Amino acid sequence: MRKIEINLYPYSSSQKWWNKLFVRFFPFVFLVVFFAIIINILFFILTGLVSLSLNRVNKEWNENSSQIKEIKGLKKEIETLKIKKMDLDTLFRERVDLSHLFAEIYASLPKNIWLDKITYTDGSLALAGYAVKWKKDCLTSIDSFVKQLKRKEYIASLFDNLILKDTKRMEYRGRKVTYFVIYGK
């Protein structure tokens, strides 16, 4: 009878341990390196595209820089003109001759209307007063007063829009009167 010997220890080769690891994990390492190379190529292409578009934008910027400077200069000029306009508006408001304004209002005033309050502030005028019926209806008298004010050249130059803002019928010292407010700006 022959004797059979079974070796229960696995085969051990003379390869070193790192060589075994390399052979075992080579497919994974290859895939990682392959994907890293592909990602590097994609980044290289993307960088080239970005640099081309950046060069194009820089070229357009250089072409339009003179226009941009001109626009900035115009904006500064607009700001200075706005400041000058505000100064001129201030001078215009200060040049209003109140005695001339009141004389024009008085010259336009019908006999059946009297003023209770005259207010002039910052280029706006408010006239408040009463109208009593005398030969004409109160509202007709007030309307003709507003029209006469609009026809006066000095008043028309100061106020573009004179309007009858408010009217109320009321009793004043036993008489029926109409209270009104005329506003102009």
Foldseek 3Di string as FASTA:
>chain_A
DDDDDDDPDDDDDPDDPVVVVCVVCVVVVVVVVVVVVVVVVVVVVVVVVVVVVVVVVVVVCVVCVVVVVVVVVVVVVVVVVVVVVVVVLVVVLVPDDVVVVVVQLVVLQDPQKDWDDWDDDSLKIKTKTKGADDVHDRVVNVVSSQVSQCPDPSSCVSFVDKDWDDWDWDADPRGIIIITMIMTD
